[in-house]
Protein backbone atom coordinates (compact mmCIF):
# COMPACT_ATOMS: atom_id res chain seq x y z
CA MET A 1 8.16 -27.94 25.27
CA LYS A 2 10.39 -30.30 23.51
CA SER A 3 9.41 -28.91 19.90
CA ASN A 4 10.75 -25.64 20.80
CA LYS A 5 14.20 -26.68 20.90
CA LYS A 6 13.97 -27.28 17.08
CA ILE A 7 13.27 -23.37 16.77
CA LEU A 8 16.40 -21.69 15.79
CA ASP A 9 17.54 -18.23 14.38
CA LEU A 10 18.50 -18.39 10.96
CA GLU A 11 22.45 -18.26 11.69
CA ALA A 12 21.85 -21.28 13.86
CA LEU A 13 20.05 -22.94 11.41
CA ALA A 14 22.60 -22.33 8.54
CA ALA A 15 25.12 -23.94 10.77
CA ARG A 16 22.94 -26.97 11.50
CA VAL A 17 22.64 -27.51 7.57
CA ILE A 18 26.31 -27.32 7.14
CA ALA A 19 27.06 -29.76 9.58
CA LEU A 20 24.35 -32.22 8.27
CA LYS A 21 25.75 -31.77 4.85
CA LYS A 22 29.17 -32.57 6.07
CA GLN A 23 27.62 -35.83 7.15
CA GLY A 24 26.65 -36.57 3.65
CA LYS A 25 23.00 -35.89 4.57
CA LYS A 26 20.60 -34.20 2.09
CA VAL A 27 18.94 -31.38 3.69
CA VAL A 28 15.15 -30.22 2.26
CA LEU A 29 14.02 -26.78 2.81
CA CYS A 30 10.29 -25.97 2.68
CA HIS A 31 9.28 -21.97 3.11
CA GLY A 32 6.17 -20.27 3.20
CA VAL A 33 3.54 -18.65 5.49
CA PHE A 34 2.01 -21.74 6.62
CA ASP A 35 -0.62 -20.11 8.62
CA LEU A 36 -3.89 -22.23 9.62
CA LEU A 37 -1.78 -25.36 9.31
CA HIS A 38 -3.97 -27.97 7.73
CA VAL A 39 -3.77 -31.49 5.90
CA GLY A 40 -2.37 -30.02 2.65
CA HIS A 41 0.65 -28.58 4.74
CA ILE A 42 1.12 -31.99 6.44
CA ARG A 43 1.30 -33.67 3.03
CA HIS A 44 3.55 -31.33 1.61
CA PHE A 45 5.96 -31.56 4.45
CA THR A 46 5.93 -35.68 4.47
CA GLU A 47 6.31 -35.82 0.82
CA ALA A 48 9.35 -33.12 1.05
CA ARG A 49 10.98 -34.99 4.12
CA ALA A 50 11.12 -38.31 1.89
CA MET A 51 13.06 -36.48 -0.68
CA GLY A 52 16.16 -36.39 1.67
CA ASP A 53 17.51 -37.18 5.20
CA ALA A 54 16.50 -33.83 7.03
CA LEU A 55 13.62 -31.39 6.70
CA VAL A 56 14.13 -27.51 7.88
CA VAL A 57 11.35 -25.06 7.46
CA THR A 58 11.56 -21.42 7.02
CA LEU A 59 8.39 -18.88 7.81
CA THR A 60 7.51 -15.74 6.31
CA PRO A 61 7.71 -13.15 9.08
CA ASP A 62 4.28 -11.35 10.03
CA GLU A 63 5.32 -8.00 8.41
CA PHE A 64 5.99 -9.59 4.87
CA VAL A 65 2.62 -11.79 4.95
CA ASN A 66 0.62 -10.35 1.87
CA LYS A 67 -2.34 -12.37 2.10
CA GLY A 68 -4.59 -9.38 3.15
CA PRO A 69 -5.06 -7.05 5.88
CA HIS A 70 -6.62 -9.63 8.06
CA ARG A 71 -3.60 -12.18 7.97
CA PRO A 72 -1.67 -13.90 9.36
CA ALA A 73 -4.36 -15.44 11.56
CA PHE A 74 -1.42 -16.34 13.89
CA THR A 75 2.16 -14.79 14.61
CA HIS A 76 5.21 -16.16 13.13
CA HIS A 77 6.09 -17.33 16.75
CA LEU A 78 2.97 -19.28 17.19
CA ARG A 79 3.25 -20.65 13.46
CA ALA A 80 6.73 -21.86 14.41
CA GLU A 81 5.64 -23.53 17.48
CA VAL A 82 3.05 -25.62 15.61
CA ILE A 83 5.30 -26.57 12.89
CA ALA A 84 8.24 -27.51 15.10
CA ALA A 85 5.66 -29.97 17.04
CA LEU A 86 5.43 -32.11 13.81
CA ASP A 87 7.66 -35.25 13.66
CA MET A 88 8.84 -35.14 10.22
CA VAL A 89 10.14 -31.50 10.80
CA ASP A 90 13.73 -31.38 11.93
CA PHE A 91 14.27 -27.64 12.49
CA VAL A 92 12.34 -24.31 12.05
CA ALA A 93 13.51 -20.71 11.93
CA ILE A 94 11.69 -17.18 11.06
CA ASN A 95 12.85 -15.52 8.02
CA LYS A 96 14.18 -12.05 8.02
CA TRP A 97 13.14 -11.09 4.49
CA PRO A 98 10.20 -10.73 2.28
CA SER A 99 11.12 -13.59 0.11
CA ALA A 100 12.91 -16.93 0.22
CA GLU A 101 15.82 -15.92 -2.08
CA GLU A 102 18.20 -14.57 0.70
CA THR A 103 17.18 -17.53 2.94
CA LEU A 104 18.36 -20.03 0.16
CA ARG A 105 21.60 -18.23 -0.20
CA LEU A 106 22.41 -18.38 3.35
CA LEU A 107 21.09 -22.07 4.13
CA ARG A 108 22.31 -23.59 0.59
CA PRO A 109 19.98 -26.45 0.79
CA SER A 110 20.06 -29.81 -1.11
CA ILE A 111 16.71 -29.39 -2.10
CA TYR A 112 14.07 -26.76 -2.38
CA ALA A 113 10.50 -28.37 -2.08
CA LYS A 114 7.48 -26.20 -3.19
CA GLY A 115 3.96 -27.36 -3.74
CA PRO A 116 2.35 -28.46 -7.24
CA ASP A 117 0.69 -25.03 -7.56
CA TYR A 118 4.19 -23.54 -7.95
CA LYS A 119 4.83 -25.90 -11.10
CA ASP A 120 3.69 -23.17 -13.58
CA ALA A 121 5.90 -20.26 -13.17
CA ALA A 122 3.89 -18.08 -15.14
CA LYS A 123 0.84 -18.21 -12.45
CA ASP A 124 3.18 -16.90 -9.81
CA VAL A 125 2.05 -13.12 -9.73
CA THR A 126 5.13 -12.23 -7.78
CA GLY A 127 7.58 -13.63 -10.23
CA GLY A 128 9.44 -15.07 -6.97
CA ILE A 129 9.52 -18.71 -8.07
CA LYS A 130 12.12 -18.21 -10.63
CA LYS A 131 14.27 -16.12 -8.80
CA GLU A 132 14.15 -18.63 -5.86
CA GLU A 133 15.19 -21.44 -8.27
CA ALA A 134 18.26 -19.43 -9.53
CA ALA A 135 19.41 -18.88 -5.71
CA VAL A 136 18.80 -22.71 -5.00
CA LYS A 137 21.09 -23.68 -8.05
CA ALA A 138 23.84 -21.16 -7.04
CA GLY A 139 24.13 -22.72 -3.80
CA GLY A 140 24.58 -25.96 -5.58
CA GLY A 141 21.00 -27.42 -4.75
CA VAL A 142 17.97 -28.24 -6.78
CA ILE A 143 14.04 -27.18 -6.49
CA ARG A 144 11.64 -30.05 -6.72
CA PHE A 145 7.75 -29.87 -6.32
CA THR A 146 5.60 -32.16 -4.35
CA ASP A 147 2.70 -33.81 -6.10
CA ASP A 148 0.08 -34.41 -3.37
CA LEU A 149 -3.38 -32.69 -3.44
CA THR A 150 -3.45 -28.89 -2.38
CA PHE A 151 -5.44 -27.09 -0.08
CA SER A 152 -5.75 -23.40 0.56
CA SER A 153 -5.24 -21.80 3.80
CA SER A 154 -6.95 -18.69 2.56
CA ALA A 155 -9.81 -20.56 1.14
CA LEU A 156 -10.11 -22.42 4.46
CA ALA A 157 -9.95 -19.06 6.38
CA ASN A 158 -12.48 -17.26 4.05
CA GLN A 159 -14.94 -20.13 4.28
CA HIS A 160 -14.82 -21.49 7.79
CA LEU A 161 -12.96 -18.98 10.15
CA THR A 162 -14.29 -15.54 11.07
CA LEU A 163 -11.01 -13.82 10.64
CA LEU A 164 -12.84 -10.62 8.96
CA PRO A 165 -15.47 -8.54 10.52
CA PRO A 166 -19.07 -9.63 9.65
CA ALA A 167 -19.57 -6.80 7.24
CA VAL A 168 -16.44 -7.68 5.29
CA LYS A 169 -16.81 -11.09 5.23
CA GLN A 170 -20.63 -10.67 3.92
CA PHE A 171 -18.95 -8.23 0.90
CA ILE A 172 -16.49 -10.35 0.29
CA GLU A 173 -18.60 -13.35 -0.42
CA SER A 174 -20.88 -11.24 -2.47
CA PHE A 175 -18.36 -9.71 -4.46
CA ARG A 176 -16.54 -13.21 -5.06
CA ALA A 177 -19.78 -14.41 -6.77
CA ARG A 178 -19.53 -11.76 -9.49
CA HIS A 179 -15.64 -11.39 -9.69
CA SER A 180 -13.12 -13.92 -9.87
CA SER A 181 -9.55 -13.26 -8.66
CA GLY A 182 -8.13 -13.66 -12.24
CA ASP A 183 -10.69 -10.85 -13.52
CA VAL A 184 -9.64 -8.54 -10.81
CA LEU A 185 -5.73 -9.29 -11.46
CA ASN A 186 -6.45 -8.50 -15.16
CA TYR A 187 -7.81 -5.19 -14.28
CA VAL A 188 -4.79 -4.23 -12.26
CA ASN A 189 -2.67 -5.50 -15.12
CA GLU A 190 -4.33 -3.14 -17.81
CA LEU A 191 -3.06 -0.39 -15.64
CA ARG A 192 0.53 -0.86 -16.94
CA SER A 193 -0.16 0.86 -20.12
CA LEU A 194 -1.17 4.06 -18.51
CA LYS A 195 1.30 7.12 -18.48
CA VAL A 196 0.16 9.32 -15.47
CA LEU A 197 0.86 12.91 -14.59
CA VAL A 198 0.62 13.86 -11.04
CA VAL A 199 0.01 17.68 -10.18
CA GLY A 200 0.15 19.08 -6.49
CA GLU A 201 2.21 20.13 -3.55
CA THR A 202 5.16 18.53 -2.21
CA ILE A 203 4.68 18.21 1.55
CA LEU A 204 7.26 16.58 3.67
CA ASP A 205 6.09 14.79 6.89
CA ASP A 206 8.43 15.28 9.94
CA TYR A 207 7.78 12.70 12.56
CA ILE A 208 9.36 13.59 16.02
CA TYR A 209 9.11 10.48 18.42
CA CYS A 210 8.90 11.68 22.23
CA ASP A 211 8.68 10.08 25.37
CA ALA A 212 6.44 11.63 28.16
CA MET A 213 8.42 12.94 31.20
CA GLY A 214 5.79 14.42 33.01
CA LYS A 215 4.15 17.96 34.06
CA SER A 216 6.65 20.95 33.80
CA SER A 217 7.40 22.07 37.41
CA LYS A 218 6.93 25.63 36.49
CA GLU A 219 4.26 25.69 33.60
CA PRO A 220 1.00 23.75 33.35
CA ILE A 221 2.47 22.05 30.04
CA LEU A 222 3.53 18.33 29.51
CA ALA A 223 7.20 17.86 29.06
CA MET A 224 8.56 15.46 26.52
CA ARG A 225 11.64 13.96 25.66
CA GLN A 226 12.79 13.66 22.15
CA LEU A 227 13.69 9.90 21.29
CA SER A 228 14.01 10.10 17.62
CA TYR A 229 13.13 11.96 14.08
CA GLU A 230 12.07 10.68 10.71
CA MET A 231 10.91 12.56 7.58
CA PHE A 232 8.76 11.28 4.66
CA ALA A 233 8.08 12.43 1.10
CA GLY A 234 4.32 13.09 1.27
CA GLY A 235 1.75 14.93 -0.71
CA ALA A 236 2.16 14.69 -4.57
CA LEU A 237 5.36 12.79 -4.18
CA ALA A 238 3.79 9.92 -2.21
CA ILE A 239 0.94 9.85 -4.85
CA ALA A 240 3.51 9.43 -7.66
CA ASN A 241 5.66 6.68 -5.70
CA HIS A 242 2.32 4.86 -5.17
CA LEU A 243 2.00 5.08 -8.84
CA ALA A 244 5.23 3.93 -9.95
CA ASP A 245 4.63 0.11 -9.19
CA PHE A 246 1.35 0.04 -11.37
CA CYS A 247 1.92 2.01 -14.65
CA ALA A 248 4.18 2.80 -17.48
CA GLU A 249 5.20 6.26 -17.05
CA VAL A 250 4.62 8.68 -14.07
CA ARG A 251 5.68 12.36 -13.81
CA VAL A 252 4.98 14.68 -10.97
CA ILE A 253 4.79 18.51 -11.31
CA THR A 254 5.10 20.27 -8.04
CA TYR A 255 6.71 23.01 -6.04
CA LEU A 256 9.59 23.31 -3.83
CA GLY A 257 10.53 26.38 -1.67
CA LYS A 258 13.39 28.64 -2.77
CA LYS A 259 14.03 28.71 1.11
CA ASN A 260 15.11 25.34 2.53
CA PRO A 261 14.18 23.39 -0.57
CA HIS A 262 15.17 19.95 0.69
CA GLU A 263 15.80 19.14 -2.88
CA GLU A 264 18.42 16.49 -2.61
CA PHE A 265 16.08 14.89 -0.09
CA VAL A 266 13.13 14.74 -2.31
CA ARG A 267 15.07 13.54 -5.47
CA GLU A 268 16.38 10.63 -3.18
CA ARG A 269 12.69 9.67 -1.84
CA LEU A 270 11.12 9.38 -5.34
CA LYS A 271 11.33 6.10 -6.87
CA PRO A 272 13.27 5.52 -9.96
CA ALA A 273 10.43 5.48 -12.25
CA VAL A 274 9.09 8.83 -11.27
CA LYS A 275 10.19 11.89 -13.43
CA PRO A 276 9.96 15.33 -11.60
CA THR A 277 9.36 18.67 -12.59
CA PHE A 278 10.26 21.16 -9.96
CA ILE A 279 8.79 24.82 -9.62
CA TYR A 280 10.31 27.03 -7.15
CA LYS A 281 8.33 29.22 -5.21
CA SER A 282 9.89 32.45 -3.94
CA ASP A 283 9.61 33.57 -0.44
CA SER A 284 8.63 29.99 0.60
CA PRO A 285 10.01 26.78 2.02
CA THR A 286 9.24 23.39 0.99
CA ILE A 287 6.36 22.65 3.01
CA ILE A 288 6.80 20.49 6.28
CA LYS A 289 4.18 19.32 8.32
CA ARG A 290 5.88 18.36 11.66
CA ARG A 291 3.99 15.96 13.91
CA TYR A 292 5.07 15.46 17.49
CA VAL A 293 4.31 11.67 18.30
CA GLU A 294 4.18 9.62 21.56
CA ASN A 295 6.48 6.94 21.03
CA TYR A 296 4.80 3.92 22.85
CA LEU A 297 1.22 4.12 21.09
CA LEU A 298 2.25 6.12 17.97
CA SER A 299 -0.36 8.88 19.21
CA LYS A 300 -0.01 12.19 17.56
CA MET A 301 -0.21 15.00 20.20
CA PHE A 302 0.06 18.11 17.98
CA GLU A 303 1.44 19.22 14.61
CA VAL A 304 3.22 22.46 13.25
CA TYR A 305 3.34 23.50 9.57
CA LEU A 306 6.27 25.34 8.20
CA MET A 307 4.92 26.98 4.90
CA ASN A 308 4.04 30.03 3.04
CA ASP A 309 0.48 28.91 1.48
CA GLU A 310 -0.06 32.16 -0.60
CA LEU A 311 -0.89 31.25 -4.29
CA LEU A 312 1.93 31.12 -6.65
CA GLU A 313 2.13 34.53 -8.68
CA GLY A 314 4.48 36.28 -11.21
CA GLU A 315 7.15 34.38 -12.84
CA ASP A 316 6.56 31.43 -10.38
CA GLU A 317 2.99 31.13 -11.64
CA ALA A 318 3.88 31.45 -15.14
CA ALA A 319 6.72 28.87 -14.94
CA PHE A 320 3.96 26.58 -13.49
CA CYS A 321 1.70 27.09 -16.25
CA ARG A 322 4.55 26.51 -18.99
CA ALA A 323 5.60 23.19 -17.51
CA LEU A 324 1.62 22.17 -17.46
CA GLU A 325 1.25 23.56 -20.98
CA GLU A 326 4.30 21.01 -22.11
CA GLN A 327 3.10 18.09 -20.08
CA LEU A 328 -0.76 17.74 -20.14
CA PRO A 329 -0.92 16.61 -23.68
CA LYS A 330 1.42 13.68 -23.07
CA TYR A 331 -0.29 11.78 -20.37
CA ASP A 332 -3.34 9.68 -20.32
CA VAL A 333 -4.41 10.80 -17.10
CA VAL A 334 -3.72 13.81 -14.73
CA ILE A 335 -4.18 13.33 -11.19
CA VAL A 336 -4.45 16.81 -9.25
CA ALA A 337 -3.96 16.40 -5.66
CA ASP A 338 -4.80 19.84 -4.31
CA TYR A 339 -3.93 20.39 -0.74
CA GLY A 340 -4.74 23.97 -0.90
CA HIS A 341 -1.34 25.31 -0.06
CA GLY A 342 -0.92 27.67 -2.99
CA LEU A 343 0.11 25.79 -6.12
CA MET A 344 -3.28 25.50 -7.91
CA THR A 345 -4.06 29.00 -9.13
CA PRO A 346 -7.13 29.88 -11.36
CA LYS A 347 -5.15 29.84 -14.30
CA ALA A 348 -3.47 26.43 -13.42
CA ILE A 349 -7.09 25.11 -12.85
CA LYS A 350 -8.19 26.50 -16.07
CA LEU A 351 -5.31 24.79 -17.72
CA VAL A 352 -5.97 21.29 -16.43
CA SER A 353 -9.43 21.60 -16.70
CA GLN A 354 -9.19 22.12 -20.58
CA LYS A 355 -6.17 20.26 -21.62
CA ALA A 356 -6.25 16.88 -19.43
CA LYS A 357 -7.29 13.85 -21.52
CA PHE A 358 -8.61 12.32 -18.32
CA LEU A 359 -8.62 14.55 -15.19
CA ALA A 360 -9.13 13.05 -11.58
CA VAL A 361 -9.16 15.71 -8.69
CA ASN A 362 -9.07 15.57 -4.98
CA THR A 363 -9.35 18.77 -2.89
CA GLN A 364 -8.29 17.91 0.65
CA ILE A 365 -9.07 19.67 3.69
CA ASN A 366 -6.64 20.22 6.49
CA ALA A 367 -6.19 22.59 9.33
CA ALA A 368 -5.04 25.31 7.09
CA ASN A 369 -7.70 25.51 4.56
CA ILE A 370 -10.90 24.08 6.01
CA GLY A 371 -14.12 26.26 4.94
CA PHE A 372 -12.06 27.79 2.17
CA HIS A 373 -11.08 24.94 -0.18
CA THR A 374 -13.78 23.02 -1.95
CA ILE A 375 -13.85 20.94 -5.11
CA SER A 376 -16.15 23.24 -7.10
CA LYS A 377 -13.29 25.54 -7.99
CA TYR A 378 -12.53 23.00 -10.50
CA PRO A 379 -15.22 23.38 -13.58
CA ARG A 380 -14.58 19.93 -14.82
CA ALA A 381 -13.17 16.65 -13.55
CA ASP A 382 -13.45 13.03 -15.12
CA TYR A 383 -13.36 11.29 -11.63
CA ILE A 384 -13.70 13.02 -8.31
CA CYS A 385 -12.24 11.60 -5.04
CA ILE A 386 -13.69 12.94 -2.02
CA HIS A 387 -14.12 12.64 1.58
CA GLU A 388 -17.61 12.87 3.06
CA VAL A 389 -16.78 15.70 5.00
CA GLU A 390 -15.41 17.61 2.15
CA LEU A 391 -18.44 16.83 0.07
CA ARG A 392 -20.92 18.36 2.76
CA LEU A 393 -18.73 21.26 3.09
CA GLU A 394 -19.11 21.87 -0.50
CA HIS A 395 -22.88 21.70 -0.02
CA ARG A 396 -23.05 23.55 3.29
CA SER A 397 -25.22 20.65 4.55
CA ARG A 398 -24.34 18.44 7.64
CA LYS A 399 -27.15 16.16 7.56
CA GLY A 400 -28.41 16.28 3.84
CA ASN A 401 -28.95 13.29 1.84
CA LEU A 402 -25.42 12.13 0.65
CA LYS A 403 -26.28 10.52 -2.64
CA GLN A 404 -28.15 13.77 -3.73
CA MET A 405 -24.86 15.52 -2.95
CA VAL A 406 -22.76 12.96 -5.01
CA GLU A 407 -25.29 13.51 -8.03
CA GLY A 408 -25.16 17.00 -7.69
CA ILE A 409 -21.49 17.57 -7.92
CA ALA A 410 -21.12 14.74 -10.80
CA LYS A 411 -23.56 17.01 -12.68
CA LYS A 412 -21.92 20.04 -11.93
CA MET A 413 -18.28 18.83 -12.88
CA SER A 414 -19.54 16.44 -15.60
CA ALA A 415 -17.81 13.54 -13.71
CA SER A 416 -18.46 9.90 -14.84
CA LYS A 417 -17.39 8.46 -11.48
CA VAL A 418 -17.30 10.16 -7.76
CA MET A 419 -15.66 8.23 -4.98
CA VAL A 420 -16.67 9.35 -1.35
CA THR A 421 -14.46 7.97 1.35
CA LEU A 422 -16.34 7.44 4.70
CA GLY A 423 -13.54 6.73 7.05
CA LYS A 424 -13.78 3.37 9.22
CA ILE A 425 -17.12 2.68 7.12
CA GLY A 426 -15.36 2.20 3.83
CA THR A 427 -16.42 3.88 0.37
CA LEU A 428 -19.23 4.94 -1.78
CA ILE A 429 -18.66 5.04 -5.51
CA TYR A 430 -21.13 6.68 -7.83
CA ASP A 431 -20.62 5.06 -11.42
CA GLY A 432 -23.36 7.41 -13.30
CA LYS A 433 -26.97 6.67 -13.98
CA SER A 434 -27.77 6.29 -10.28
CA ASN A 435 -25.51 3.36 -9.95
CA TYR A 436 -23.79 3.01 -6.47
CA SER A 437 -21.36 0.54 -4.86
CA ASN A 438 -20.64 0.46 -1.18
CA CYS A 439 -17.43 -1.52 -0.01
CA PRO A 440 -16.44 -1.81 3.60
CA ALA A 441 -12.87 -0.88 4.90
CA PHE A 442 -10.60 -3.79 5.22
CA ALA A 443 -8.19 -2.31 7.54
CA VAL A 444 -8.02 -4.58 10.63
CA LYS A 445 -4.79 -3.04 12.08
CA VAL A 446 -4.43 0.69 11.93
CA VAL A 447 -0.89 1.87 12.74
CA ASP A 448 -1.08 5.42 11.04
CA ARG A 449 -3.99 6.88 8.82
CA VAL A 450 -1.49 9.82 7.11
CA GLY A 451 -1.52 9.00 3.47
CA ALA A 452 -4.17 6.37 3.24
CA GLY A 453 -6.35 8.80 1.29
CA ASP A 454 -3.62 9.54 -1.23
CA ALA A 455 -2.98 5.66 -1.82
CA LEU A 456 -6.65 5.05 -2.47
CA LEU A 457 -6.86 8.19 -4.83
CA ALA A 458 -3.58 7.16 -6.71
CA LEU A 459 -4.86 3.59 -7.63
CA THR A 460 -8.58 4.49 -8.01
CA SER A 461 -7.84 7.28 -10.46
CA LEU A 462 -5.87 4.66 -12.66
CA CYS A 463 -9.15 2.34 -12.36
CA ALA A 464 -11.25 5.18 -13.36
CA THR A 465 -9.43 6.01 -16.49
CA LYS A 466 -9.73 2.36 -17.69
CA LYS A 467 -13.48 2.37 -17.01
CA ILE A 468 -13.08 -0.74 -14.60
CA PRO A 469 -16.43 -1.28 -12.91
CA GLY A 470 -17.19 0.92 -9.90
CA GLU A 471 -17.64 -2.00 -7.66
CA VAL A 472 -14.14 -3.24 -8.50
CA ILE A 473 -12.72 0.19 -8.01
CA GLY A 474 -14.19 0.34 -4.28
CA PHE A 475 -12.40 -2.96 -3.76
CA LEU A 476 -9.15 -2.03 -5.11
CA GLY A 477 -9.04 1.30 -3.42
CA ASN A 478 -9.90 -0.20 0.09
CA LEU A 479 -7.31 -2.75 -0.07
CA ALA A 480 -5.07 0.18 -1.17
CA GLY A 481 -5.96 2.14 1.72
CA ALA A 482 -5.93 -0.91 4.08
CA GLN A 483 -2.28 -1.35 3.14
CA ALA A 484 -1.20 2.38 3.55
CA VAL A 485 -2.70 2.39 7.19
CA MET A 486 -0.07 -0.12 8.32
CA ILE A 487 2.62 1.74 7.40
CA ILE A 488 4.05 4.81 9.47
CA GLY A 489 3.56 7.88 7.54
CA ASN A 490 4.80 7.45 3.83
CA ARG A 491 7.56 5.26 5.00
CA SER A 492 6.96 3.27 1.86
CA ALA A 493 4.55 3.08 -1.11
CA ILE A 494 1.79 0.55 -1.90
CA ASP A 495 3.15 -2.53 -3.33
CA ARG A 496 1.72 -3.95 -6.40
CA VAL A 497 2.71 -7.57 -5.79
CA GLN A 498 1.18 -7.36 -2.06
CA LEU A 499 -1.82 -5.91 -3.52
CA LEU A 500 -2.13 -8.71 -6.09
CA LYS A 501 -1.67 -11.39 -3.34
CA SER A 502 -4.19 -9.88 -1.21
CA VAL A 503 -6.77 -10.04 -4.03
CA GLU A 504 -5.99 -13.56 -4.52
CA SER A 505 -6.18 -14.58 -0.65
CA LEU A 506 -9.28 -12.69 -0.32
CA LEU A 507 -11.00 -14.19 -3.19
CA LYS A 508 -10.19 -17.86 -2.85
């Protein structure tokens, strides 16, 4: 197609811009997602083209589109092809970065054209427009705003296109009638004032990516070739990293093994805002959960635990309890992520139950503790986050009434809120006095489920502390989970700006 000749890589586009400017021409740049091309985009491009002599357009790549887990509707290659077909557009390129800052420094356009909805920088939840303006000026250009009517791709998609599964679309329409995007964004902004203490085991997640070679010639086993290796900071470390983007102060109290502690790796992987307190467990390595992953489909084949999951004792337990005694009174909310690997002794449980101002608890079942690890070891929790299977194990009931079990555990532990995660179905949250809210799962693309529950626990615990309505807690928790399942392991934490943009997009 003729229009495809307009599609260049960024370096080639930079060379074209230089050549055009040497000819004395004004080059105008438009940047954005430009998903679901509509009349608003056409008018924006037309007005931008009239500002100069040539119009170039750069697109946000798929992996950085933050308009909700169901977007973009079209890949960046298809979006580039459609825009290149427009007569007023001279060249198109797909960006390499999450924002336009680096692109502006590379291309150095004469004019950077933005839509009228960006005139008020205070309304930009990303804070990016100010940085982009600085980058334009540094390259000798200016920022200008188009004035025509604005149309929203997100609103058009939400109202007229079935990008979401029917159950999710129905939920969003109902939720939107009761909660505006501004209301939900304000709730998230309220979390910034919180000081949070995370207590739980450090777990390092090893991913060993392999390629299947075939059956061994002499044994009935599958032979694999190791291709690459990656390690992530999981467990309580991941929860602390998730929280760092949302609140004022985060501390994590956790244990490392005295054997193979991996302390340098752990410190490097913690976000700068997270303050660690480490206890060192005798006769133990830092816990590693090693997963062997088929490289093509990212399917996990089996895993190996490297750990000593006996309870802390002696001086190790005493050091842990001293750390709790010192830190518990300083924090607005304490999140206990109990993976059942020996950190939370009866003494430690008694301390957090008695001294936490607001206590959020999750006791996670896994291969090492199933059947032995239940939430009722904690006498009290203000907020409980629990998987349906964990709740049924607590009540020894495979088929019993779920809501009766929820109200039973809430009464037993004096919890004001209980969140039950239901896998691909979504979540159920109990808000006291028999008030329940269901929220469907928002995940459209699932890359890896590891860490999704931790992301949901982190954000919903903050919301429960602030007494945000249960329906909104479920909404935000499922958005965090949807963001997490699109990430391999705990390669990165959930991003506050991405979450806020998802809220805006879904509720338009």
